[in-house]
N, C-alpha and C. Protein backbone atom coordinates (compact mmCIF):
# COMPACT_ATOMS: atom_id res chain seq x y z
N UNK A 1 -17.20 10.09 10.88
CA UNK A 1 -16.13 9.71 11.78
C UNK A 1 -15.21 8.67 11.13
N UNK A 2 -15.79 7.65 10.50
CA UNK A 2 -15.00 6.60 9.84
C UNK A 2 -14.20 7.22 8.69
N UNK A 3 -14.83 8.09 7.93
CA UNK A 3 -14.14 8.73 6.81
C UNK A 3 -12.97 9.58 7.30
N UNK A 4 -13.15 10.24 8.42
CA UNK A 4 -12.08 11.07 8.99
C UNK A 4 -10.91 10.21 9.43
N UNK A 5 -11.20 9.10 10.08
CA UNK A 5 -10.13 8.18 10.51
C UNK A 5 -9.41 7.61 9.29
N UNK A 6 -10.20 7.24 8.27
CA UNK A 6 -9.59 6.70 7.05
C UNK A 6 -8.68 7.74 6.40
N UNK A 7 -9.13 8.97 6.29
CA UNK A 7 -8.32 10.03 5.68
C UNK A 7 -7.05 10.30 6.49
N UNK A 8 -7.19 10.30 7.81
CA UNK A 8 -6.04 10.54 8.67
C UNK A 8 -5.00 9.42 8.53
N UNK A 9 -5.46 8.18 8.55
CA UNK A 9 -4.54 7.05 8.38
C UNK A 9 -3.91 7.04 6.99
N UNK A 10 -4.70 7.37 5.99
CA UNK A 10 -4.18 7.43 4.63
C UNK A 10 -3.10 8.50 4.52
N UNK A 11 -3.34 9.66 5.13
CA UNK A 11 -2.34 10.74 5.13
C UNK A 11 -1.07 10.28 5.84
N UNK A 12 -1.23 9.59 6.98
CA UNK A 12 -0.08 9.11 7.74
C UNK A 12 0.72 8.11 6.90
N UNK A 13 0.05 7.20 6.25
CA UNK A 13 0.73 6.19 5.42
C UNK A 13 1.42 6.85 4.23
N UNK A 14 0.75 7.82 3.59
CA UNK A 14 1.37 8.56 2.49
C UNK A 14 2.63 9.27 2.96
N UNK A 15 2.56 9.88 4.14
CA UNK A 15 3.71 10.61 4.69
C UNK A 15 4.85 9.64 4.98
N UNK A 16 4.54 8.49 5.57
CA UNK A 16 5.57 7.49 5.85
C UNK A 16 6.22 7.03 4.54
N UNK A 17 5.40 6.77 3.53
CA UNK A 17 5.93 6.33 2.23
C UNK A 17 6.83 7.40 1.62
N UNK A 18 6.41 8.64 1.70
CA UNK A 18 7.21 9.74 1.15
C UNK A 18 8.53 9.88 1.89
N UNK A 19 8.50 9.82 3.22
CA UNK A 19 9.73 9.92 4.01
C UNK A 19 10.66 8.76 3.68
N UNK A 20 10.12 7.55 3.59
CA UNK A 20 10.94 6.39 3.25
C UNK A 20 11.55 6.53 1.86
N UNK A 21 10.76 6.99 0.89
CA UNK A 21 11.24 7.15 -0.47
C UNK A 21 12.35 8.19 -0.56
N UNK A 22 12.14 9.34 0.08
CA UNK A 22 13.15 10.40 0.06
C UNK A 22 14.42 9.94 0.78
N UNK A 23 14.26 9.27 1.92
CA UNK A 23 15.41 8.78 2.67
C UNK A 23 16.19 7.76 1.84
N UNK A 24 15.48 6.86 1.18
CA UNK A 24 16.14 5.87 0.32
C UNK A 24 16.88 6.56 -0.82
N UNK A 25 16.24 7.52 -1.45
CA UNK A 25 16.88 8.24 -2.56
C UNK A 25 18.14 8.97 -2.08
N UNK A 26 18.04 9.63 -0.93
CA UNK A 26 19.20 10.33 -0.40
C UNK A 26 20.33 9.37 -0.03
N UNK A 27 19.96 8.23 0.53
CA UNK A 27 20.98 7.23 0.88
C UNK A 27 21.69 6.71 -0.37
N UNK A 28 20.94 6.48 -1.44
CA UNK A 28 21.54 6.01 -2.69
C UNK A 28 22.44 7.08 -3.28
N UNK A 29 21.98 8.32 -3.29
CA UNK A 29 22.79 9.42 -3.84
C UNK A 29 24.07 9.59 -3.01
N UNK A 30 23.93 9.58 -1.70
CA UNK A 30 25.10 9.73 -0.83
C UNK A 30 26.09 8.59 -1.05
N UNK A 31 25.57 7.36 -1.06
CA UNK A 31 26.45 6.20 -1.22
C UNK A 31 27.15 6.21 -2.58
N UNK A 32 26.41 6.56 -3.61
CA UNK A 32 27.00 6.62 -4.96
C UNK A 32 28.10 7.67 -5.01
N UNK A 33 27.82 8.81 -4.44
CA UNK A 33 28.81 9.89 -4.41
C UNK A 33 30.05 9.47 -3.64
N UNK A 34 29.85 8.87 -2.47
CA UNK A 34 30.98 8.46 -1.64
C UNK A 34 31.78 7.34 -2.31
N UNK A 35 31.10 6.43 -3.00
CA UNK A 35 31.82 5.37 -3.72
C UNK A 35 32.69 5.98 -4.81
N UNK A 36 32.16 6.97 -5.49
CA UNK A 36 32.90 7.65 -6.54
C UNK A 36 34.14 8.33 -5.96
N UNK A 37 34.01 8.84 -4.73
CA UNK A 37 35.13 9.52 -4.07
C UNK A 37 36.06 8.54 -3.36
N UNK A 38 35.72 7.25 -3.39
CA UNK A 38 36.59 6.24 -2.81
C UNK A 38 36.37 5.97 -1.33
N UNK A 39 35.24 6.41 -0.78
CA UNK A 39 34.97 6.21 0.65
C UNK A 39 33.56 5.65 0.82
N UNK A 40 33.36 4.45 0.31
CA UNK A 40 32.03 3.84 0.34
C UNK A 40 31.58 3.56 1.77
N UNK A 41 30.36 3.97 2.13
CA UNK A 41 29.87 3.72 3.49
C UNK A 41 29.55 2.24 3.69
N UNK A 42 29.88 1.73 4.85
CA UNK A 42 29.67 0.30 5.12
C UNK A 42 28.20 -0.02 5.39
N UNK A 43 27.42 0.96 5.79
CA UNK A 43 26.03 0.74 6.20
C UNK A 43 25.04 0.77 5.04
N UNK A 44 25.47 1.21 3.88
CA UNK A 44 24.53 1.48 2.80
C UNK A 44 23.69 0.28 2.40
N UNK A 45 24.33 -0.86 2.14
CA UNK A 45 23.60 -2.02 1.62
C UNK A 45 22.48 -2.45 2.56
N UNK A 46 22.78 -2.52 3.85
CA UNK A 46 21.75 -2.96 4.80
C UNK A 46 20.64 -1.93 4.93
N UNK A 47 21.00 -0.67 5.04
CA UNK A 47 19.99 0.38 5.21
C UNK A 47 19.12 0.49 3.97
N UNK A 48 19.71 0.41 2.79
CA UNK A 48 18.92 0.49 1.55
C UNK A 48 17.94 -0.68 1.48
N UNK A 49 18.38 -1.87 1.87
CA UNK A 49 17.49 -3.03 1.85
C UNK A 49 16.33 -2.86 2.83
N UNK A 50 16.64 -2.36 4.02
CA UNK A 50 15.60 -2.15 5.03
C UNK A 50 14.61 -1.08 4.56
N UNK A 51 15.12 0.02 4.04
CA UNK A 51 14.24 1.09 3.57
C UNK A 51 13.35 0.61 2.42
N UNK A 52 13.91 -0.17 1.52
CA UNK A 52 13.12 -0.68 0.40
C UNK A 52 12.04 -1.64 0.89
N UNK A 53 12.38 -2.49 1.85
CA UNK A 53 11.39 -3.40 2.41
C UNK A 53 10.28 -2.63 3.11
N UNK A 54 10.65 -1.65 3.92
CA UNK A 54 9.64 -0.84 4.61
C UNK A 54 8.76 -0.10 3.62
N UNK A 55 9.38 0.46 2.58
CA UNK A 55 8.60 1.16 1.54
C UNK A 55 7.63 0.21 0.85
N UNK A 56 8.06 -1.02 0.62
CA UNK A 56 7.19 -2.02 0.00
C UNK A 56 6.00 -2.33 0.89
N UNK A 57 6.23 -2.56 2.17
CA UNK A 57 5.14 -2.88 3.09
C UNK A 57 4.16 -1.71 3.23
N UNK A 58 4.70 -0.51 3.42
CA UNK A 58 3.79 0.64 3.57
C UNK A 58 3.13 1.00 2.25
N UNK A 59 3.81 0.77 1.13
CA UNK A 59 3.18 0.98 -0.18
C UNK A 59 2.03 0.02 -0.40
N UNK A 60 2.21 -1.23 0.02
CA UNK A 60 1.12 -2.21 -0.09
C UNK A 60 -0.05 -1.81 0.82
N UNK A 61 0.27 -1.27 1.98
CA UNK A 61 -0.78 -0.80 2.89
C UNK A 61 -1.55 0.36 2.25
N UNK A 62 -0.83 1.26 1.61
CA UNK A 62 -1.47 2.37 0.91
C UNK A 62 -2.39 1.85 -0.20
N UNK A 63 -1.89 0.88 -0.96
CA UNK A 63 -2.70 0.29 -2.04
C UNK A 63 -3.97 -0.34 -1.48
N UNK A 64 -3.86 -0.99 -0.33
CA UNK A 64 -5.04 -1.60 0.28
C UNK A 64 -6.06 -0.54 0.68
N UNK A 65 -5.60 0.53 1.30
CA UNK A 65 -6.50 1.62 1.69
C UNK A 65 -7.20 2.22 0.47
N UNK A 66 -6.49 2.29 -0.64
CA UNK A 66 -7.05 2.87 -1.87
C UNK A 66 -7.84 1.84 -2.68
N UNK A 67 -7.85 0.61 -2.21
CA UNK A 67 -8.51 -0.51 -2.90
C UNK A 67 -7.93 -0.69 -4.30
N UNK A 68 -6.62 -0.54 -4.41
CA UNK A 68 -5.93 -0.69 -5.69
C UNK A 68 -5.13 -1.98 -5.75
N UNK A 69 -5.40 -2.89 -4.84
CA UNK A 69 -4.71 -4.16 -4.84
C UNK A 69 -5.40 -5.12 -5.81
N UNK A 70 -4.81 -6.27 -6.00
CA UNK A 70 -5.40 -7.25 -6.92
C UNK A 70 -6.74 -7.73 -6.38
N UNK A 71 -7.68 -7.80 -7.27
CA UNK A 71 -8.99 -8.31 -6.88
C UNK A 71 -9.65 -8.92 -8.11
N UNK A 72 -10.80 -9.48 -7.88
CA UNK A 72 -11.56 -10.10 -8.97
C UNK A 72 -12.93 -9.43 -9.06
N UNK A 73 -12.91 -8.10 -9.19
CA UNK A 73 -14.14 -7.33 -9.22
C UNK A 73 -15.07 -7.75 -10.34
N UNK A 74 -14.52 -8.11 -11.49
CA UNK A 74 -15.35 -8.55 -12.61
C UNK A 74 -16.11 -9.83 -12.28
N UNK A 75 -15.46 -10.73 -11.54
CA UNK A 75 -16.12 -11.97 -11.13
C UNK A 75 -17.26 -11.66 -10.17
N UNK A 76 -17.01 -10.79 -9.22
CA UNK A 76 -18.04 -10.44 -8.23
C UNK A 76 -19.23 -9.77 -8.91
N UNK A 77 -18.97 -8.84 -9.80
CA UNK A 77 -20.07 -8.13 -10.46
C UNK A 77 -20.85 -9.02 -11.42
N UNK A 78 -20.25 -10.11 -11.88
CA UNK A 78 -20.94 -11.02 -12.80
C UNK A 78 -21.93 -11.93 -12.07
N UNK A 79 -21.82 -12.00 -10.77
CA UNK A 79 -22.68 -12.87 -9.98
C UNK A 79 -24.01 -12.19 -9.65
N UNK A 80 -25.02 -12.97 -9.32
CA UNK A 80 -26.26 -12.36 -8.81
C UNK A 80 -25.96 -11.59 -7.52
N UNK A 81 -26.82 -10.64 -7.20
CA UNK A 81 -26.59 -9.70 -6.09
C UNK A 81 -26.22 -10.39 -4.78
N UNK A 82 -27.00 -11.37 -4.35
CA UNK A 82 -26.75 -12.03 -3.07
C UNK A 82 -25.42 -12.78 -3.08
N UNK A 83 -25.13 -13.47 -4.19
CA UNK A 83 -23.87 -14.21 -4.30
C UNK A 83 -22.68 -13.25 -4.34
N UNK A 84 -22.86 -12.10 -5.01
CA UNK A 84 -21.79 -11.09 -5.07
C UNK A 84 -21.48 -10.55 -3.68
N UNK A 85 -22.51 -10.25 -2.92
CA UNK A 85 -22.31 -9.75 -1.55
C UNK A 85 -21.63 -10.82 -0.70
N UNK A 86 -22.09 -12.06 -0.81
CA UNK A 86 -21.52 -13.15 -0.02
C UNK A 86 -20.04 -13.37 -0.37
N UNK A 87 -19.72 -13.37 -1.66
CA UNK A 87 -18.34 -13.56 -2.08
C UNK A 87 -17.46 -12.38 -1.64
N UNK A 88 -17.99 -11.17 -1.77
CA UNK A 88 -17.24 -9.99 -1.34
C UNK A 88 -16.99 -10.04 0.17
N UNK A 89 -18.00 -10.42 0.93
CA UNK A 89 -17.86 -10.52 2.38
C UNK A 89 -16.86 -11.61 2.76
N UNK A 90 -16.94 -12.75 2.09
CA UNK A 90 -16.00 -13.84 2.35
C UNK A 90 -14.58 -13.39 2.06
N UNK A 91 -14.38 -12.73 0.95
CA UNK A 91 -13.03 -12.28 0.59
C UNK A 91 -12.50 -11.27 1.61
N UNK A 92 -13.37 -10.39 2.10
CA UNK A 92 -12.95 -9.42 3.12
C UNK A 92 -12.50 -10.13 4.39
N UNK A 93 -13.26 -11.14 4.82
CA UNK A 93 -12.89 -11.88 6.03
C UNK A 93 -11.63 -12.71 5.82
N UNK A 94 -11.43 -13.23 4.62
CA UNK A 94 -10.19 -13.96 4.33
C UNK A 94 -8.98 -13.03 4.40
N UNK A 95 -9.13 -11.82 3.87
CA UNK A 95 -8.05 -10.84 3.92
C UNK A 95 -7.74 -10.48 5.37
N UNK A 96 -8.78 -10.23 6.16
CA UNK A 96 -8.58 -9.89 7.57
C UNK A 96 -7.92 -11.07 8.30
N UNK A 97 -8.38 -12.27 8.03
CA UNK A 97 -7.79 -13.45 8.66
C UNK A 97 -6.33 -13.63 8.30
N UNK A 98 -6.00 -13.44 7.02
CA UNK A 98 -4.62 -13.56 6.58
C UNK A 98 -3.73 -12.56 7.30
N UNK A 99 -4.16 -11.31 7.34
CA UNK A 99 -3.32 -10.29 7.98
C UNK A 99 -3.29 -10.43 9.50
N UNK A 100 -4.31 -11.04 10.08
CA UNK A 100 -4.26 -11.33 11.51
C UNK A 100 -3.16 -12.36 11.79
N UNK A 101 -3.06 -13.38 10.94
CA UNK A 101 -2.00 -14.38 11.08
C UNK A 101 -0.63 -13.73 10.88
N UNK A 102 -0.51 -12.89 9.87
CA UNK A 102 0.75 -12.19 9.61
C UNK A 102 1.13 -11.32 10.80
N UNK A 103 0.17 -10.60 11.35
CA UNK A 103 0.45 -9.74 12.51
C UNK A 103 0.87 -10.57 13.71
N UNK A 104 0.16 -11.67 13.95
CA UNK A 104 0.46 -12.52 15.10
C UNK A 104 1.88 -13.10 15.03
N UNK A 105 2.18 -13.72 13.90
CA UNK A 105 3.49 -14.34 13.76
C UNK A 105 4.58 -13.30 13.51
N UNK A 106 4.24 -12.20 12.89
CA UNK A 106 5.20 -11.10 12.75
C UNK A 106 5.61 -10.56 14.10
N UNK A 107 4.64 -10.46 15.00
CA UNK A 107 4.94 -10.02 16.36
C UNK A 107 5.77 -11.08 17.11
N UNK A 108 5.48 -12.36 16.88
CA UNK A 108 6.24 -13.44 17.53
C UNK A 108 7.70 -13.40 17.09
N UNK A 109 7.95 -13.05 15.85
CA UNK A 109 9.33 -12.97 15.35
C UNK A 109 10.11 -11.88 16.08
N UNK A 110 9.43 -10.82 16.48
CA UNK A 110 10.12 -9.70 17.13
C UNK A 110 10.82 -10.12 18.42
N UNK A 111 10.22 -11.05 19.16
CA UNK A 111 10.84 -11.51 20.41
C UNK A 111 12.18 -12.19 20.14
N UNK A 112 12.28 -12.90 19.04
CA UNK A 112 13.53 -13.57 18.68
C UNK A 112 14.51 -12.58 18.05
N UNK A 113 13.99 -11.67 17.24
CA UNK A 113 14.84 -10.75 16.49
C UNK A 113 15.51 -9.70 17.36
N UNK A 114 15.00 -9.46 18.55
CA UNK A 114 15.59 -8.41 19.38
C UNK A 114 16.99 -8.75 19.87
N UNK A 115 17.41 -10.01 19.71
CA UNK A 115 18.73 -10.43 20.18
C UNK A 115 19.78 -10.34 19.08
N UNK A 116 19.38 -9.90 17.89
CA UNK A 116 20.31 -9.80 16.77
C UNK A 116 20.25 -8.38 16.23
N UNK A 117 21.26 -7.98 15.51
CA UNK A 117 21.28 -6.61 14.98
C UNK A 117 21.85 -6.62 13.57
N UNK A 118 21.78 -5.47 12.93
CA UNK A 118 22.41 -5.32 11.63
C UNK A 118 23.92 -5.43 11.79
N UNK A 119 24.60 -5.83 10.75
CA UNK A 119 26.06 -6.00 10.83
C UNK A 119 26.79 -4.66 10.88
N UNK A 120 26.31 -3.71 10.09
CA UNK A 120 27.03 -2.45 9.98
C UNK A 120 26.56 -1.40 10.98
N UNK A 121 25.36 -1.55 11.50
CA UNK A 121 24.83 -0.60 12.50
C UNK A 121 24.38 -1.45 13.69
N UNK A 122 25.28 -1.66 14.62
CA UNK A 122 25.06 -2.61 15.69
C UNK A 122 23.92 -2.21 16.63
N UNK A 123 23.63 -0.92 16.77
CA UNK A 123 22.57 -0.51 17.68
C UNK A 123 21.18 -0.79 17.12
N UNK A 124 21.08 -1.01 15.81
CA UNK A 124 19.76 -1.27 15.22
C UNK A 124 19.47 -2.77 15.25
N UNK A 125 18.64 -3.15 16.19
CA UNK A 125 18.31 -4.56 16.33
C UNK A 125 17.29 -4.98 15.26
N UNK A 126 17.25 -6.26 15.00
CA UNK A 126 16.37 -6.77 13.95
C UNK A 126 14.89 -6.66 14.32
N UNK A 127 14.58 -6.53 15.61
CA UNK A 127 13.17 -6.33 15.94
C UNK A 127 12.68 -4.97 15.45
N UNK A 128 13.57 -3.99 15.41
CA UNK A 128 13.21 -2.69 14.82
C UNK A 128 12.98 -2.87 13.32
N UNK A 129 13.90 -3.57 12.69
CA UNK A 129 13.80 -3.79 11.25
C UNK A 129 12.53 -4.56 10.90
N UNK A 130 12.26 -5.63 11.65
CA UNK A 130 11.12 -6.51 11.35
C UNK A 130 9.79 -5.98 11.87
N UNK A 131 9.80 -4.92 12.63
CA UNK A 131 8.55 -4.39 13.18
C UNK A 131 7.57 -3.93 12.11
N UNK A 132 8.07 -3.69 10.91
CA UNK A 132 7.20 -3.26 9.82
C UNK A 132 6.16 -4.34 9.49
N UNK A 133 6.48 -5.60 9.75
CA UNK A 133 5.56 -6.68 9.40
C UNK A 133 4.28 -6.61 10.23
N UNK A 134 4.35 -6.69 11.56
CA UNK A 134 3.09 -6.62 12.31
C UNK A 134 2.42 -5.24 12.22
N UNK A 135 3.21 -4.18 12.15
CA UNK A 135 2.62 -2.84 12.07
C UNK A 135 1.80 -2.70 10.78
N UNK A 136 2.40 -3.07 9.65
CA UNK A 136 1.66 -2.94 8.39
C UNK A 136 0.50 -3.91 8.33
N UNK A 137 0.64 -5.10 8.92
CA UNK A 137 -0.47 -6.05 8.92
C UNK A 137 -1.66 -5.50 9.70
N UNK A 138 -1.40 -4.89 10.85
CA UNK A 138 -2.49 -4.28 11.64
C UNK A 138 -3.11 -3.12 10.86
N UNK A 139 -2.28 -2.31 10.21
CA UNK A 139 -2.81 -1.22 9.40
C UNK A 139 -3.66 -1.75 8.24
N UNK A 140 -3.26 -2.88 7.67
CA UNK A 140 -4.05 -3.47 6.58
C UNK A 140 -5.38 -4.01 7.08
N UNK A 141 -5.39 -4.55 8.28
CA UNK A 141 -6.67 -4.99 8.87
C UNK A 141 -7.57 -3.79 9.07
N UNK A 142 -7.02 -2.72 9.64
CA UNK A 142 -7.80 -1.50 9.86
C UNK A 142 -8.29 -0.95 8.52
N UNK A 143 -7.41 -0.92 7.52
CA UNK A 143 -7.80 -0.43 6.20
C UNK A 143 -8.91 -1.26 5.58
N UNK A 144 -8.83 -2.56 5.75
CA UNK A 144 -9.88 -3.44 5.21
C UNK A 144 -11.21 -3.16 5.91
N UNK A 145 -11.16 -3.02 7.23
CA UNK A 145 -12.39 -2.75 7.98
C UNK A 145 -12.99 -1.39 7.61
N UNK A 146 -12.13 -0.38 7.42
CA UNK A 146 -12.62 0.95 7.09
C UNK A 146 -13.20 1.03 5.68
N UNK A 147 -12.62 0.28 4.75
CA UNK A 147 -13.07 0.36 3.35
C UNK A 147 -14.06 -0.75 2.98
N UNK A 148 -14.31 -1.67 3.91
CA UNK A 148 -15.23 -2.77 3.64
C UNK A 148 -16.64 -2.31 3.28
N UNK A 149 -17.22 -1.34 3.98
CA UNK A 149 -18.57 -0.92 3.59
C UNK A 149 -18.66 -0.46 2.13
N UNK A 150 -17.65 0.26 1.67
CA UNK A 150 -17.62 0.71 0.28
C UNK A 150 -17.51 -0.47 -0.67
N UNK A 151 -16.69 -1.46 -0.34
CA UNK A 151 -16.52 -2.64 -1.18
C UNK A 151 -17.81 -3.45 -1.25
N UNK A 152 -18.48 -3.60 -0.11
CA UNK A 152 -19.74 -4.36 -0.09
C UNK A 152 -20.83 -3.61 -0.84
N UNK A 153 -20.84 -2.29 -0.72
CA UNK A 153 -21.82 -1.48 -1.47
C UNK A 153 -21.60 -1.64 -2.97
N UNK A 154 -20.34 -1.60 -3.40
CA UNK A 154 -20.03 -1.80 -4.82
C UNK A 154 -20.46 -3.18 -5.29
N UNK A 155 -20.23 -4.20 -4.45
CA UNK A 155 -20.65 -5.56 -4.81
C UNK A 155 -22.16 -5.65 -4.93
N UNK A 156 -22.88 -5.00 -4.01
CA UNK A 156 -24.34 -5.04 -4.03
C UNK A 156 -24.90 -4.31 -5.25
N UNK A 157 -24.22 -3.24 -5.66
CA UNK A 157 -24.69 -2.45 -6.81
C UNK A 157 -24.13 -2.94 -8.13
N UNK A 158 -23.28 -3.96 -8.09
CA UNK A 158 -22.70 -4.49 -9.31
C UNK A 158 -21.66 -3.59 -9.94
N UNK A 159 -20.97 -2.82 -9.11
CA UNK A 159 -19.96 -1.89 -9.60
C UNK A 159 -18.58 -2.51 -9.44
N UNK A 160 -17.85 -2.58 -10.54
CA UNK A 160 -16.45 -3.00 -10.50
C UNK A 160 -15.63 -1.72 -10.51
N UNK A 161 -14.96 -1.41 -9.40
CA UNK A 161 -14.24 -0.15 -9.25
C UNK A 161 -13.18 0.02 -10.33
N UNK A 162 -12.51 -1.07 -10.72
CA UNK A 162 -11.48 -0.97 -11.76
C UNK A 162 -12.09 -0.54 -13.09
N UNK A 163 -13.19 -1.18 -13.48
CA UNK A 163 -13.84 -0.81 -14.74
C UNK A 163 -14.42 0.60 -14.68
N UNK A 164 -14.96 0.96 -13.52
CA UNK A 164 -15.51 2.32 -13.36
C UNK A 164 -14.41 3.36 -13.51
N UNK A 165 -13.24 3.07 -12.96
CA UNK A 165 -12.11 3.99 -13.08
C UNK A 165 -11.64 4.11 -14.52
N UNK A 166 -11.59 2.99 -15.22
CA UNK A 166 -11.18 2.99 -16.62
C UNK A 166 -12.19 3.77 -17.47
N UNK A 167 -13.47 3.53 -17.25
CA UNK A 167 -14.51 4.25 -17.98
C UNK A 167 -14.45 5.75 -17.71
N UNK A 168 -14.17 6.11 -16.46
CA UNK A 168 -14.04 7.53 -16.10
C UNK A 168 -12.85 8.15 -16.84
N UNK A 169 -11.72 7.44 -16.88
CA UNK A 169 -10.54 7.96 -17.57
C UNK A 169 -10.79 8.11 -19.07
N UNK A 170 -11.50 7.15 -19.66
CA UNK A 170 -11.82 7.24 -21.09
C UNK A 170 -12.74 8.43 -21.35
N UNK A 171 -13.76 8.59 -20.51
CA UNK A 171 -14.68 9.73 -20.68
C UNK A 171 -13.94 11.05 -20.53
N UNK A 172 -13.01 11.11 -19.58
CA UNK A 172 -12.24 12.33 -19.38
C UNK A 172 -11.35 12.61 -20.58
N UNK A 173 -10.71 11.58 -21.15
CA UNK A 173 -9.86 11.75 -22.33
C UNK A 173 -10.69 12.19 -23.53
N UNK A 174 -11.87 11.61 -23.70
CA UNK A 174 -12.74 12.00 -24.80
C UNK A 174 -13.19 13.45 -24.65
N UNK A 175 -13.49 13.86 -23.42
CA UNK A 175 -13.88 15.24 -23.17
C UNK A 175 -12.71 16.19 -23.47
N UNK A 176 -11.51 15.81 -23.08
CA UNK A 176 -10.33 16.64 -23.37
C UNK A 176 -10.09 16.74 -24.87
N UNK A 177 -10.26 15.63 -25.58
CA UNK A 177 -10.10 15.65 -27.04
C UNK A 177 -11.15 16.54 -27.69
N UNK A 178 -12.39 16.45 -27.20
CA UNK A 178 -13.46 17.29 -27.75
C UNK A 178 -13.18 18.76 -27.48
N UNK A 179 -12.70 19.08 -26.29
CA UNK A 179 -12.35 20.46 -25.96
C UNK A 179 -11.22 20.97 -26.84
N UNK A 180 -10.21 20.12 -27.07
CA UNK A 180 -9.09 20.51 -27.91
C UNK A 180 -9.54 20.72 -29.35
N UNK A 181 -10.43 19.86 -29.82
CA UNK A 181 -10.94 20.00 -31.20
C UNK A 181 -11.78 21.28 -31.33
N UNK A 182 -12.54 21.57 -30.30
CA UNK A 182 -13.36 22.77 -30.30
C UNK A 182 -12.49 24.03 -30.31
N UNK A 183 -11.43 24.03 -29.52
CA UNK A 183 -10.48 25.16 -29.49
C UNK A 183 -9.78 25.31 -30.83
N UNK A 184 -9.42 24.17 -31.43
CA UNK A 184 -8.75 24.18 -32.72
C UNK A 184 -9.69 24.71 -33.81
N UNK A 185 -10.98 24.41 -33.69
CA UNK A 185 -11.95 24.86 -34.67
C UNK A 185 -12.21 26.37 -34.59
N UNK A 186 -12.02 26.97 -33.42
CA UNK A 186 -12.24 28.41 -33.25
C UNK A 186 -11.06 29.25 -33.67
N UNK A 187 -9.94 28.64 -34.02
CA UNK A 187 -8.75 29.42 -34.40
C UNK A 187 -8.81 29.85 -35.81
């Protein structure tokens, strides 16, 4: 059940990131074309900034779900088992606490931001623009909770996911080189 929820949320975040990226690319292409034709759109700068900010927040959320954010896995794996688990657990709770504060105050900003709007698109209020902050913070809390068992298991087993991924990539490259050499030898 947890894995299904994690996969569904990951798919949703990937889809949001893809839509934001394509929309940003289309906005840049359109604006560049229109500037070249002498009819630069007035909304481009604000919309591009908003799309880039949203893409950054949702991209960071995706990285958190994939556990590809900055961490000190080598430090955790260097510790004795109990200390590694304790440090990993502490770090998870610190991350959750940080994003809880971000969500709380991000939501508080929305009440103030609803009275202001973008300059070029007056109907788009700043609470819409700023809503990405509490939304992504809540998603990051959920992502941390969903992936925490895996992180604690890795800490208990002394596995550094970054090093494991690097070792896997090296083994895969060596296997590909061996296969290529074998094919070359049969010619």
